[in-house]
Amino acid sequence: MKPTVCITMGDAAGVGPEIIVKSLQHPDVHDMARHVVVGDKAILERAVRLLDAPLTVQAVESPADIVEDTSVISCIDLQLLPADLPLGEVSAAAGDAAYRYIEKAVTLAENKDIDVICTAPLNKEAMQKGGHMYPGHTEVLAELTGTKDYAMLLSSPKLKVIHVTTHIGLIDAVNKIEPERVYNVIRMAHEVLRRAGNDAPRIAVCGINPHAGENGLFGYGEEAEKVDPAIVRAREEGIDVTDALPADTLFFRAVRGDFDIVVAMYHDQGHGPIKVLGLESGVNITVGLPILRTSVDHGTAFDIAGTGIADEASMIEAIRQGVEMAPTHRAETRPE
């Protein structure tokens, strides 16, 4: 059996519906998995017309009813939005719907009806206007699954980055960095790469300050207080992890191939290098959840919604990486 991938439609006023339709036109996407979209059938049909795609959208009750035809998009139709929802505008209705799509997908995953959730982008302002006060997908998924210990991992062909902190201000981020959290993120990085088939992951850790503090020259000893104890603990457990290193050279070394994953201390420290390598190739993976979730590493792109020029490459890569990590796929491909 192929893994079953559930694609959530994201914010319907953005490019999510377009990149879903574009992705499901690729034969290799169908070769790797079965797909069902949780969203609104009328919105997907509008995207099909916009792109003049040779596809039809069919409503289904559950993943068990997926239509095994590459010209058909199977959609669990929640019927939350009007077909003429304005594109490129922040909408409370679209923000609420984006949350409801995730909520439905989590239920399907927890019931083992699907193997992977792959999320199209949502708009944080719209979701909050819709009554759901979260900073992003990751936090929504963590609360819906009752997960306390989780992290955001960004993956591209040349670089993987996992974050100690994400959607908080820089001053708050430094305050939130503590040895227990840094250790847990190092451990999660080790475990996720091991599950993906890397028996001996090489993990690099960013410092907090310029030059990783340079022995107290910069900052107030944050590396020694907040990061070093976590590294010592991880090494005691046999994890291959570096000292805290200067981020300005560490990412170059990681892209060169010296390390398998980088532990970033805060949002922009990790996101910047990934996005410089190309938005179209980045994938967002939530580590620590009891379910498997991947996502595109770009936003709703309201400025180009409805133009048909949105690039589907990140969505295809998110599907591919989700399939690679799916239990069904691993069971089928594991050597005897």
C-alpha atoms as a PDB file:
ATOM      1  CA  MET A   1       0.000   0.000   0.000  1.00  0.00           C
ATOM      2  CA  LYS A   2       1.103   3.543  -0.713  1.00  0.00           C
ATOM      3  CA  PRO A   3       1.052   5.956   2.217  1.00  0.00           C
ATOM      4  CA  THR A   4      -1.988   8.208   2.385  1.00  0.00           C
ATOM      5  CA  VAL A   5      -1.166  11.927   2.426  1.00  0.00           C
ATOM      6  CA  CYS A   6      -3.763  14.388   3.690  1.00  0.00           C
ATOM      7  CA  ILE A   7      -3.212  17.881   2.278  1.00  0.00           C
ATOM      8  CA  THR A   8      -4.847  20.723   4.195  1.00  0.00           C
ATOM      9  CA  MET A   9      -5.892  23.608   1.952  1.00  0.00           C
ATOM     10  CA  GLY A  10      -4.517  26.390   4.139  1.00  0.00           C
ATOM     11  CA  ASP A  11      -5.806  29.939   3.752  1.00  0.00           C
ATOM     12  CA  ALA A  12      -8.122  29.872   0.735  1.00  0.00           C
ATOM     13  CA  ALA A  13      -7.406  33.529  -0.041  1.00  0.00           C
ATOM     14  CA  GLY A  14      -3.755  32.702  -0.702  1.00  0.00           C
ATOM     15  CA  VAL A  15      -1.858  30.431  -3.070  1.00  0.00           C
ATOM     16  CA  GLY A  16      -2.616  27.192  -1.204  1.00  0.00           C
ATOM     17  CA  PRO A  17      -5.372  25.945  -3.522  1.00  0.00           C
ATOM     18  CA  GLU A  18      -3.247  26.766  -6.596  1.00  0.00           C
ATOM     19  CA  ILE A  19      -0.138  24.920  -5.439  1.00  0.00           C
ATOM     20  CA  ILE A  20      -2.244  21.917  -4.430  1.00  0.00           C
ATOM     21  CA  VAL A  21      -3.818  21.711  -7.880  1.00  0.00           C
ATOM     22  CA  LYS A  22      -0.462  22.223  -9.589  1.00  0.00           C
ATOM     23  CA  SER A  23       1.181  19.528  -7.442  1.00  0.00           C
ATOM     24  CA  LEU A  24      -1.534  16.978  -8.134  1.00  0.00           C
ATOM     25  CA  GLN A  25      -0.974  17.345 -11.863  1.00  0.00           C
ATOM     26  CA  HIS A  26       2.457  15.678 -11.496  1.00  0.00           C
ATOM     27  CA  PRO A  27       2.357  11.917 -12.201  1.00  0.00           C
ATOM     28  CA  ASP A  28       5.252  11.221  -9.819  1.00  0.00           C
ATOM     29  CA  VAL A  29       3.275  12.749  -6.933  1.00  0.00           C
ATOM     30  CA  HIS A  30       0.606  10.100  -7.513  1.00  0.00           C
ATOM     31  CA  ASP A  31       3.240   7.399  -7.908  1.00  0.00           C
ATOM     32  CA  MET A  32       4.532   7.988  -4.384  1.00  0.00           C
ATOM     33  CA  ALA A  33       1.266   8.192  -2.410  1.00  0.00           C
ATOM     34  CA  ARG A  34      -2.522   8.379  -2.275  1.00  0.00           C
ATOM     35  CA  HIS A  35      -3.832  11.909  -1.653  1.00  0.00           C
ATOM     36  CA  VAL A  36      -6.882  13.508  -0.131  1.00  0.00           C
ATOM     37  CA  VAL A  37      -7.412  17.230   0.389  1.00  0.00           C
ATOM     38  CA  VAL A  38      -9.217  18.590   3.430  1.00  0.00           C
ATOM     39  CA  GLY A  39     -10.719  21.877   2.344  1.00  0.00           C
ATOM     40  CA  ASP A  40     -13.546  23.316   0.306  1.00  0.00           C
ATOM     41  CA  LYS A  41     -14.463  21.667  -2.987  1.00  0.00           C
ATOM     42  CA  ALA A  42     -15.718  24.940  -4.503  1.00  0.00           C
ATOM     43  CA  ILE A  43     -12.407  26.705  -3.791  1.00  0.00           C
ATOM     44  CA  LEU A  44     -10.385  23.879  -5.344  1.00  0.00           C
ATOM     45  CA  GLU A  45     -12.639  23.940  -8.395  1.00  0.00           C
ATOM     46  CA  ARG A  46     -11.972  27.655  -8.758  1.00  0.00           C
ATOM     47  CA  ALA A  47      -8.222  26.946  -8.709  1.00  0.00           C
ATOM     48  CA  VAL A  48      -8.685  24.211 -11.338  1.00  0.00           C
ATOM     49  CA  ARG A  49     -10.464  26.707 -13.607  1.00  0.00           C
ATOM     50  CA  LEU A  50      -7.862  29.391 -12.974  1.00  0.00           C
ATOM     51  CA  LEU A  51      -5.056  27.058 -14.004  1.00  0.00           C
ATOM     52  CA  ASP A  52      -7.033  25.380 -16.783  1.00  0.00           C
ATOM     53  CA  ALA A  53      -5.905  22.111 -15.181  1.00  0.00           C
ATOM     54  CA  PRO A  54      -7.053  18.759 -16.625  1.00  0.00           C
ATOM     55  CA  LEU A  55      -8.482  17.749 -13.249  1.00  0.00           C
ATOM     56  CA  THR A  56     -11.851  17.399 -11.579  1.00  0.00           C
ATOM     57  CA  VAL A  57     -12.622  17.644  -7.869  1.00  0.00           C
ATOM     58  CA  GLN A  58     -14.735  14.971  -6.233  1.00  0.00           C
ATOM     59  CA  ALA A  59     -16.097  15.154  -2.696  1.00  0.00           C
ATOM     60  CA  VAL A  60     -15.398  12.098  -0.534  1.00  0.00           C
ATOM     61  CA  GLU A  61     -16.467  11.238   2.992  1.00  0.00           C
ATOM     62  CA  SER A  62     -13.164   9.792   4.170  1.00  0.00           C
ATOM     63  CA  PRO A  63      -9.697   8.696   2.982  1.00  0.00           C
ATOM     64  CA  ALA A  64     -11.123   5.231   2.412  1.00  0.00           C
ATOM     65  CA  ASP A  65     -13.109   6.744  -0.476  1.00  0.00           C
ATOM     66  CA  ILE A  66     -10.142   8.271  -2.325  1.00  0.00           C
ATOM     67  CA  VAL A  67     -10.648   8.053  -6.084  1.00  0.00           C
ATOM     68  CA  GLU A  68      -7.696   6.185  -7.569  1.00  0.00           C
ATOM     69  CA  ASP A  69      -7.508   8.311 -10.703  1.00  0.00           C
ATOM     70  CA  THR A  70      -4.737  10.824 -11.401  1.00  0.00           C
ATOM     71  CA  SER A  71      -7.240  13.168 -13.071  1.00  0.00           C
ATOM     72  CA  VAL A  72      -9.366  13.427  -9.900  1.00  0.00           C
ATOM     73  CA  ILE A  73      -8.694  15.391  -6.726  1.00  0.00           C
ATOM     74  CA  SER A  74     -10.407  13.695  -3.789  1.00  0.00           C
ATOM     75  CA  CYS A  75     -11.621  16.312  -1.326  1.00  0.00           C
ATOM     76  CA  ILE A  76     -13.138  16.008   2.119  1.00  0.00           C
ATOM     77  CA  ASP A  77     -15.383  19.010   1.614  1.00  0.00           C
ATOM     78  CA  LEU A  78     -16.025  20.949   4.826  1.00  0.00           C
ATOM     79  CA  GLN A  79     -18.116  23.564   2.962  1.00  0.00           C
ATOM     80  CA  LEU A  80     -16.938  26.463   5.073  1.00  0.00           C
ATOM     81  CA  LEU A  81     -16.351  29.179   2.474  1.00  0.00           C
ATOM     82  CA  PRO A  82     -18.138  30.830  -0.452  1.00  0.00           C
ATOM     83  CA  ALA A  83     -16.830  29.955  -3.902  1.00  0.00           C
ATOM     84  CA  ASP A  84     -16.210  33.652  -4.609  1.00  0.00           C
ATOM     85  CA  LEU A  85     -14.073  34.299  -1.511  1.00  0.00           C
ATOM     86  CA  PRO A  86     -11.891  37.342  -2.371  1.00  0.00           C
ATOM     87  CA  LEU A  87      -8.285  36.433  -3.137  1.00  0.00           C
ATOM     88  CA  GLY A  88      -5.301  38.186  -1.628  1.00  0.00           C
ATOM     89  CA  GLU A  89      -7.175  39.605   1.366  1.00  0.00           C
ATOM     90  CA  VAL A  90      -7.041  38.849   5.072  1.00  0.00           C
ATOM     91  CA  SER A  91     -10.328  37.185   5.962  1.00  0.00           C
ATOM     92  CA  ALA A  92     -11.592  35.979   9.333  1.00  0.00           C
ATOM     93  CA  ALA A  93     -13.689  33.353   7.541  1.00  0.00           C
ATOM     94  CA  ALA A  94     -10.664  32.001   5.661  1.00  0.00           C
ATOM     95  CA  GLY A  95      -8.572  32.054   8.850  1.00  0.00           C
ATOM     96  CA  ASP A  96     -11.190  30.055  10.748  1.00  0.00           C
ATOM     97  CA  ALA A  97     -11.522  27.606   7.849  1.00  0.00           C
ATOM     98  CA  ALA A  98      -7.753  27.074   7.721  1.00  0.00           C
ATOM     99  CA  TYR A  99      -7.866  26.095  11.395  1.00  0.00           C
ATOM    100  CA  ARG A 100     -10.815  23.748  10.820  1.00  0.00           C
ATOM    101  CA  TYR A 101      -8.966  21.978   8.008  1.00  0.00           C
ATOM    102  CA  ILE A 102      -6.054  21.259  10.354  1.00  0.00           C
ATOM    103  CA  GLU A 103      -8.402  20.123  13.100  1.00  0.00           C
ATOM    104  CA  LYS A 104     -10.031  17.610  10.746  1.00  0.00           C
ATOM    105  CA  ALA A 105      -6.674  16.349   9.470  1.00  0.00           C
ATOM    106  CA  VAL A 106      -5.397  15.783  13.007  1.00  0.00           C
ATOM    107  CA  THR A 107      -8.471  13.689  13.794  1.00  0.00           C
ATOM    108  CA  LEU A 108      -7.842  11.600  10.673  1.00  0.00           C
ATOM    109  CA  ALA A 109      -4.188  11.124  11.625  1.00  0.00           C
ATOM    110  CA  GLU A 110      -4.959  10.174  15.210  1.00  0.00           C
ATOM    111  CA  ASN A 111      -7.487   7.619  13.933  1.00  0.00           C
ATOM    112  CA  LYS A 112      -4.801   6.179  11.603  1.00  0.00           C
ATOM    113  CA  ASP A 113      -6.918   6.995   8.545  1.00  0.00           C
ATOM    114  CA  ILE A 114      -3.952   8.836   7.006  1.00  0.00           C
ATOM    115  CA  ASP A 115      -0.175   8.529   7.300  1.00  0.00           C
ATOM    116  CA  VAL A 116       0.985  12.100   6.693  1.00  0.00           C
ATOM    117  CA  ILE A 117      -0.438  15.596   7.031  1.00  0.00           C
ATOM    118  CA  CYS A 118       0.968  18.043   4.486  1.00  0.00           C
ATOM    119  CA  THR A 119      -0.133  21.609   5.098  1.00  0.00           C
ATOM    120  CA  ALA A 120      -0.566  24.435   2.620  1.00  0.00           C
ATOM    121  CA  PRO A 121       0.213  27.863   4.139  1.00  0.00           C
ATOM    122  CA  LEU A 122      -2.109  29.753   6.429  1.00  0.00           C
ATOM    123  CA  ASN A 123      -2.152  33.434   7.359  1.00  0.00           C
ATOM    124  CA  LYS A 124      -1.553  34.061  11.050  1.00  0.00           C
ATOM    125  CA  GLU A 125      -3.468  37.358  11.094  1.00  0.00           C
ATOM    126  CA  ALA A 126      -6.468  35.783   9.386  1.00  0.00           C
ATOM    127  CA  MET A 127      -6.452  32.779  11.730  1.00  0.00           C
ATOM    128  CA  GLN A 128      -6.379  35.042  14.761  1.00  0.00           C
ATOM    129  CA  LYS A 129      -9.168  37.201  13.328  1.00  0.00           C
ATOM    130  CA  GLY A 130     -11.070  33.944  12.960  1.00  0.00           C
ATOM    131  CA  GLY A 131     -10.771  33.400  16.703  1.00  0.00           C
ATOM    132  CA  HIS A 132      -7.767  31.083  16.907  1.00  0.00           C
ATOM    133  CA  MET A 133      -4.956  32.806  18.777  1.00  0.00           C
ATOM    134  CA  TYR A 134      -1.882  30.886  17.665  1.00  0.00           C
ATOM    135  CA  PRO A 135       1.376  32.143  16.121  1.00  0.00           C
ATOM    136  CA  GLY A 136       1.378  29.422  13.485  1.00  0.00           C
ATOM    137  CA  HIS A 137       0.731  25.856  12.333  1.00  0.00           C
ATOM    138  CA  THR A 138       3.249  24.311  14.723  1.00  0.00           C
ATOM    139  CA  GLU A 139       1.542  25.609  17.840  1.00  0.00           C
ATOM    140  CA  VAL A 140      -1.913  24.621  16.564  1.00  0.00           C
ATOM    141  CA  LEU A 141      -0.760  21.069  15.918  1.00  0.00           C
ATOM    142  CA  ALA A 142       0.951  20.840  19.294  1.00  0.00           C
ATOM    143  CA  GLU A 143      -2.191  21.877  21.162  1.00  0.00           C
ATOM    144  CA  LEU A 144      -4.529  19.680  19.118  1.00  0.00           C
ATOM    145  CA  THR A 145      -2.339  16.645  19.821  1.00  0.00           C
ATOM    146  CA  GLY A 146      -1.549  17.519  23.444  1.00  0.00           C
ATOM    147  CA  THR A 147       2.160  17.761  22.675  1.00  0.00           C
ATOM    148  CA  LYS A 148       4.365  19.737  25.076  1.00  0.00           C
ATOM    149  CA  ASP A 149       7.828  18.994  23.696  1.00  0.00           C
ATOM    150  CA  TYR A 150       8.154  19.797  19.988  1.00  0.00           C
ATOM    151  CA  ALA A 151      10.327  21.723  17.557  1.00  0.00           C
ATOM    152  CA  MET A 152      10.273  23.183  14.055  1.00  0.00           C
ATOM    153  CA  LEU A 153      12.646  21.565  11.582  1.00  0.00           C
ATOM    154  CA  LEU A 154      13.327  23.172   8.197  1.00  0.00           C
ATOM    155  CA  SER A 155      14.699  20.821   5.578  1.00  0.00           C
ATOM    156  CA  SER A 156      16.186  21.491   2.155  1.00  0.00           C
ATOM    157  CA  PRO A 157      18.400  19.349  -0.072  1.00  0.00           C
ATOM    158  CA  LYS A 158      21.571  20.992   1.288  1.00  0.00           C
ATOM    159  CA  LEU A 159      20.659  21.982   4.838  1.00  0.00           C
ATOM    160  CA  LYS A 160      18.510  20.903   7.781  1.00  0.00           C
ATOM    161  CA  VAL A 161      17.862  23.256  10.704  1.00  0.00           C
ATOM    162  CA  ILE A 162      15.938  22.592  13.920  1.00  0.00           C
ATOM    163  CA  HIS A 163      14.943  25.463  16.210  1.00  0.00           C
ATOM    164  CA  VAL A 164      15.155  25.935  19.969  1.00  0.00           C
ATOM    165  CA  THR A 165      12.750  28.906  19.779  1.00  0.00           C
ATOM    166  CA  THR A 166      10.639  30.168  16.879  1.00  0.00           C
ATOM    167  CA  HIS A 167       7.762  32.639  16.867  1.00  0.00           C
ATOM    168  CA  ILE A 168       8.711  34.993  19.683  1.00  0.00           C
ATOM    169  CA  GLY A 169      10.694  38.226  19.823  1.00  0.00           C
ATOM    170  CA  LEU A 170      14.468  38.110  20.071  1.00  0.00           C
ATOM    171  CA  ILE A 171      14.688  39.283  23.688  1.00  0.00           C
ATOM    172  CA  ASP A 172      12.050  36.736  24.692  1.00  0.00           C
ATOM    173  CA  ALA A 173      13.872  34.051  22.719  1.00  0.00           C
ATOM    174  CA  VAL A 174      17.102  34.542  24.652  1.00  0.00           C
ATOM    175  CA  ASN A 175      15.157  34.335  27.903  1.00  0.00           C
ATOM    176  CA  LYS A 176      13.434  31.134  26.769  1.00  0.00           C
ATOM    177  CA  ILE A 177      16.660  29.343  25.860  1.00  0.00           C
ATOM    178  CA  GLU A 178      17.450  27.015  28.757  1.00  0.00           C
ATOM    179  CA  PRO A 179      19.665  23.893  29.036  1.00  0.00           C
ATOM    180  CA  GLU A 180      16.682  21.505  29.241  1.00  0.00           C
ATOM    181  CA  ARG A 181      15.123  22.936  26.078  1.00  0.00           C
ATOM    182  CA  VAL A 182      18.424  22.917  24.173  1.00  0.00           C
ATOM    183  CA  TYR A 183      19.044  19.310  25.222  1.00  0.00           C
ATOM    184  CA  ASN A 184      15.550  18.254  24.138  1.00  0.00           C
ATOM    185  CA  VAL A 185      15.996  19.842  20.709  1.00  0.00           C
ATOM    186  CA  ILE A 186      19.392  18.138  20.247  1.00  0.00           C
ATOM    187  CA  ARG A 187      17.782  14.824  21.230  1.00  0.00           C
ATOM    188  CA  MET A 188      14.847  15.343  18.857  1.00  0.00           C
ATOM    189  CA  ALA A 189      17.257  16.178  16.029  1.00  0.00           C
ATOM    190  CA  HIS A 190      19.158  12.963  16.702  1.00  0.00           C
ATOM    191  CA  GLU A 191      16.003  10.873  16.847  1.00  0.00           C
ATOM    192  CA  VAL A 192      14.346  12.257  13.711  1.00  0.00           C
ATOM    193  CA  LEU A 193      17.466  11.681  11.617  1.00  0.00           C
ATOM    194  CA  ARG A 194      17.854   8.171  13.018  1.00  0.00           C
ATOM    195  CA  ARG A 195      14.250   7.388  12.084  1.00  0.00           C
ATOM    196  CA  ALA A 196      14.964   8.696   8.601  1.00  0.00           C
ATOM    197  CA  GLY A 197      17.799   6.181   8.208  1.00  0.00           C
ATOM    198  CA  ASN A 198      20.881   8.093   9.399  1.00  0.00           C
ATOM    199  CA  ASP A 199      22.477   5.836  11.999  1.00  0.00           C
ATOM    200  CA  ALA A 200      25.054   8.378  13.172  1.00  0.00           C
ATOM    201  CA  PRO A 201      23.777  11.959  12.774  1.00  0.00           C
ATOM    202  CA  ARG A 202      26.334  14.754  13.075  1.00  0.00           C
ATOM    203  CA  ILE A 203      24.705  17.629  14.932  1.00  0.00           C
ATOM    204  CA  ALA A 204      26.054  21.182  15.052  1.00  0.00           C
ATOM    205  CA  VAL A 205      24.870  23.751  17.592  1.00  0.00           C
ATOM    206  CA  CYS A 206      24.736  27.509  17.029  1.00  0.00           C
ATOM    207  CA  GLY A 207      25.856  29.917  19.698  1.00  0.00           C
ATOM    208  CA  ILE A 208      23.521  32.665  20.845  1.00  0.00           C
ATOM    209  CA  ASN A 209      25.924  35.586  20.588  1.00  0.00           C
ATOM    210  CA  PRO A 210      28.230  36.683  17.762  1.00  0.00           C
ATOM    211  CA  HIS A 211      31.240  34.352  17.580  1.00  0.00           C
ATOM    212  CA  ALA A 212      29.379  32.098  20.071  1.00  0.00           C
ATOM    213  CA  GLY A 213      30.335  34.575  22.786  1.00  0.00           C
ATOM    214  CA  GLU A 214      34.073  34.215  22.135  1.00  0.00           C
ATOM    215  CA  ASN A 215      34.807  33.067  25.701  1.00  0.00           C
ATOM    216  CA  GLY A 216      32.771  35.827  27.301  1.00  0.00           C
ATOM    217  CA  LEU A 217      33.856  38.677  25.044  1.00  0.00           C
ATOM    218  CA  PHE A 218      30.311  39.070  23.647  1.00  0.00           C
ATOM    219  CA  GLY A 219      27.149  38.763  25.698  1.00  0.00           C
ATOM    220  CA  TYR A 220      26.845  37.751  29.319  1.00  0.00           C
ATOM    221  CA  GLY A 221      27.971  34.134  29.322  1.00  0.00           C
ATOM    222  CA  GLU A 222      24.782  32.781  27.723  1.00  0.00           C
ATOM    223  CA  GLU A 223      26.562  29.943  25.931  1.00  0.00           C
ATOM    224  CA  ALA A 224      28.151  28.666  29.135  1.00  0.00           C
ATOM    225  CA  GLU A 225      24.928  29.021  31.091  1.00  0.00           C
ATOM    226  CA  LYS A 226      22.282  27.946  28.594  1.00  0.00           C
ATOM    227  CA  VAL A 227      23.879  25.813  25.874  1.00  0.00           C
ATOM    228  CA  ASP A 228      27.001  24.035  27.121  1.00  0.00           C
ATOM    229  CA  PRO A 229      25.250  21.933  29.831  1.00  0.00           C
ATOM    230  CA  ALA A 230      22.858  20.575  27.195  1.00  0.00           C
ATOM    231  CA  ILE A 231      25.751  19.619  24.919  1.00  0.00           C
ATOM    232  CA  VAL A 232      27.531  17.805  27.752  1.00  0.00           C
ATOM    233  CA  ARG A 233      24.354  15.871  28.608  1.00  0.00           C
ATOM    234  CA  ALA A 234      23.759  14.879  24.992  1.00  0.00           C
ATOM    235  CA  ARG A 235      27.338  13.670  24.601  1.00  0.00           C
ATOM    236  CA  GLU A 236      26.979  11.553  27.729  1.00  0.00           C
ATOM    237  CA  GLU A 237      24.161   9.758  25.876  1.00  0.00           C
ATOM    238  CA  GLY A 238      26.370   9.088  22.866  1.00  0.00           C
ATOM    239  CA  ILE A 239      25.017  11.836  20.616  1.00  0.00           C
ATOM    240  CA  ASP A 240      27.561  13.316  18.181  1.00  0.00           C
ATOM    241  CA  VAL A 241      27.197  17.050  18.819  1.00  0.00           C
ATOM    242  CA  THR A 242      29.567  20.000  18.511  1.00  0.00           C
ATOM    243  CA  ASP A 243      30.345  22.746  20.973  1.00  0.00           C
ATOM    244  CA  ALA A 244      28.356  25.955  20.489  1.00  0.00           C
ATOM    245  CA  LEU A 245      29.781  27.390  17.267  1.00  0.00           C
ATOM    246  CA  PRO A 246      29.590  30.818  15.574  1.00  0.00           C
ATOM    247  CA  ALA A 247      26.503  30.817  13.365  1.00  0.00           C
ATOM    248  CA  ASP A 248      28.099  32.999  10.696  1.00  0.00           C
ATOM    249  CA  THR A 249      30.462  30.198   9.631  1.00  0.00           C
ATOM    250  CA  LEU A 250      28.533  27.179  10.898  1.00  0.00           C
ATOM    251  CA  PHE A 251      25.892  27.288   8.169  1.00  0.00           C
ATOM    252  CA  PHE A 252      28.548  27.419   5.459  1.00  0.00           C
ATOM    253  CA  ARG A 253      30.119  24.300   6.926  1.00  0.00           C
ATOM    254  CA  ALA A 254      26.770  22.536   7.170  1.00  0.00           C
ATOM    255  CA  VAL A 255      25.943  23.254   3.521  1.00  0.00           C
ATOM    256  CA  ARG A 256      29.419  21.982   2.633  1.00  0.00           C
ATOM    257  CA  GLY A 257      28.489  18.681   4.256  1.00  0.00           C
ATOM    258  CA  ASP A 258      30.333  18.785   7.575  1.00  0.00           C
ATOM    259  CA  PHE A 259      27.124  18.284   9.578  1.00  0.00           C
ATOM    260  CA  ASP A 260      23.734  16.627   9.035  1.00  0.00           C
ATOM    261  CA  ILE A 261      21.638  19.146  10.962  1.00  0.00           C
ATOM    262  CA  VAL A 262      22.070  22.488  12.716  1.00  0.00           C
ATOM    263  CA  VAL A 263      20.426  23.456  16.013  1.00  0.00           C
ATOM    264  CA  ALA A 264      19.471  27.143  15.706  1.00  0.00           C
ATOM    265  CA  MET A 265      18.701  29.195  18.787  1.00  0.00           C
ATOM    266  CA  TYR A 266      16.038  31.505  17.355  1.00  0.00           C
ATOM    267  CA  HIS A 267      13.789  32.001  14.335  1.00  0.00           C
ATOM    268  CA  ASP A 268      15.818  34.169  11.981  1.00  0.00           C
ATOM    269  CA  GLN A 269      19.103  32.478  12.824  1.00  0.00           C
ATOM    270  CA  GLY A 270      17.751  29.264  11.302  1.00  0.00           C
ATOM    271  CA  HIS A 271      15.233  30.514   8.762  1.00  0.00           C
ATOM    272  CA  GLY A 272      17.564  32.947   7.005  1.00  0.00           C
ATOM    273  CA  PRO A 273      20.073  30.402   5.663  1.00  0.00           C
ATOM    274  CA  ILE A 274      17.337  27.995   4.538  1.00  0.00           C
ATOM    275  CA  LYS A 275      15.480  30.707   2.643  1.00  0.00           C
ATOM    276  CA  VAL A 276      18.640  32.022   1.004  1.00  0.00           C
ATOM    277  CA  LEU A 277      19.067  28.521  -0.458  1.00  0.00           C
ATOM    278  CA  GLY A 278      15.644  28.810  -2.067  1.00  0.00           C
ATOM    279  CA  LEU A 279      12.059  29.053  -0.830  1.00  0.00           C
ATOM    280  CA  GLU A 280      10.963  26.542  -3.439  1.00  0.00           C
ATOM    281  CA  SER A 281      13.074  23.751  -1.952  1.00  0.00           C
ATOM    282  CA  GLY A 282      12.374  24.220   1.754  1.00  0.00           C
ATOM    283  CA  VAL A 283      10.071  21.997   3.799  1.00  0.00           C
ATOM    284  CA  ASN A 284       8.788  22.581   7.327  1.00  0.00           C
ATOM    285  CA  ILE A 285       8.561  19.467   9.533  1.00  0.00           C
ATOM    286  CA  THR A 286       7.110  19.505  13.049  1.00  0.00           C
ATOM    287  CA  VAL A 287       9.246  17.231  15.217  1.00  0.00           C
ATOM    288  CA  GLY A 288       7.936  15.675  18.424  1.00  0.00           C
ATOM    289  CA  LEU A 289       4.283  15.238  17.452  1.00  0.00           C
ATOM    290  CA  PRO A 290       2.589  11.831  17.705  1.00  0.00           C
ATOM    291  CA  ILE A 291       1.597  12.329  14.046  1.00  0.00           C
ATOM    292  CA  LEU A 292       3.668  13.119  10.962  1.00  0.00           C
ATOM    293  CA  ARG A 293       3.341  16.618   9.510  1.00  0.00           C
ATOM    294  CA  THR A 294       5.256  18.387   6.763  1.00  0.00           C
ATOM    295  CA  SER A 295       4.585  21.722   5.119  1.00  0.00           C
ATOM    296  CA  VAL A 296       5.716  24.152   2.494  1.00  0.00           C
ATOM    297  CA  ASP A 297       8.256  26.657   3.776  1.00  0.00           C
ATOM    298  CA  HIS A 298       6.576  29.761   2.403  1.00  0.00           C
ATOM    299  CA  GLY A 299       3.578  31.887   3.196  1.00  0.00           C
ATOM    300  CA  THR A 300       0.213  32.547   1.616  1.00  0.00           C
ATOM    301  CA  ALA A 301       1.690  35.007  -0.930  1.00  0.00           C
ATOM    302  CA  PHE A 302      -1.430  37.148  -1.074  1.00  0.00           C
ATOM    303  CA  ASP A 303       0.314  39.431  -3.569  1.00  0.00           C
ATOM    304  CA  ILE A 304       0.265  36.743  -6.287  1.00  0.00           C
ATOM    305  CA  ALA A 305      -2.848  34.768  -5.265  1.00  0.00           C
ATOM    306  CA  GLY A 306      -5.052  34.201  -8.284  1.00  0.00           C
ATOM    307  CA  THR A 307      -2.353  34.938 -10.853  1.00  0.00           C
ATOM    308  CA  GLY A 308      -1.481  31.280 -11.447  1.00  0.00           C
ATOM    309  CA  ILE A 309       2.272  31.867 -11.068  1.00  0.00           C
ATOM    310  CA  ALA A 310       2.764  30.319  -7.607  1.00  0.00           C
ATOM    311  CA  ASP A 311       5.500  27.668  -7.588  1.00  0.00           C
ATOM    312  CA  GLU A 312       4.436  24.204  -6.404  1.00  0.00           C
ATOM    313  CA  ALA A 313       7.982  22.867  -5.890  1.00  0.00           C
ATOM    314  CA  SER A 314       7.937  23.246  -2.096  1.00  0.00           C
ATOM    315  CA  MET A 315       4.582  21.458  -1.851  1.00  0.00           C
ATOM    316  CA  ILE A 316       5.869  18.560  -3.948  1.00  0.00           C
ATOM    317  CA  GLU A 317       8.991  18.366  -1.791  1.00  0.00           C
ATOM    318  CA  ALA A 318       6.874  18.447   1.381  1.00  0.00           C
ATOM    319  CA  ILE A 319       4.816  15.529   0.081  1.00  0.00           C
ATOM    320  CA  ARG A 320       7.960  13.639  -0.900  1.00  0.00           C
ATOM    321  CA  GLN A 321       9.644  14.088   2.466  1.00  0.00           C
ATOM    322  CA  GLY A 322       6.459  13.146   4.278  1.00  0.00           C
ATOM    323  CA  VAL A 323       6.209   9.949   2.251  1.00  0.00           C
ATOM    324  CA  GLU A 324       9.862   9.142   2.967  1.00  0.00           C
ATOM    325  CA  MET A 325       9.217   9.352   6.713  1.00  0.00           C
ATOM    326  CA  ALA A 326       5.843   7.631   6.679  1.00  0.00           C
ATOM    327  CA  PRO A 327       5.665   4.315   8.573  1.00  0.00           C
ATOM    328  CA  THR A 328       3.982   2.594   5.593  1.00  0.00           C
ATOM    329  CA  HIS A 329       6.811   3.622   3.278  1.00  0.00           C
ATOM    330  CA  ARG A 330       9.532   2.587   5.713  1.00  0.00           C
ATOM    331  CA  ALA A 331       7.942  -0.829   6.294  1.00  0.00           C
ATOM    332  CA  GLU A 332       7.827  -1.471   2.540  1.00  0.00           C
ATOM    333  CA  THR A 333      11.358  -0.308   1.789  1.00  0.00           C
ATOM    334  CA  ARG A 334      13.224  -1.699   4.766  1.00  0.00           C
ATOM    335  CA  PRO A 335      15.808  -4.298   3.658  1.00  0.00           C
ATOM    336  CA  GLU A 336      15.372  -7.879   4.777  1.00  0.00           C
END
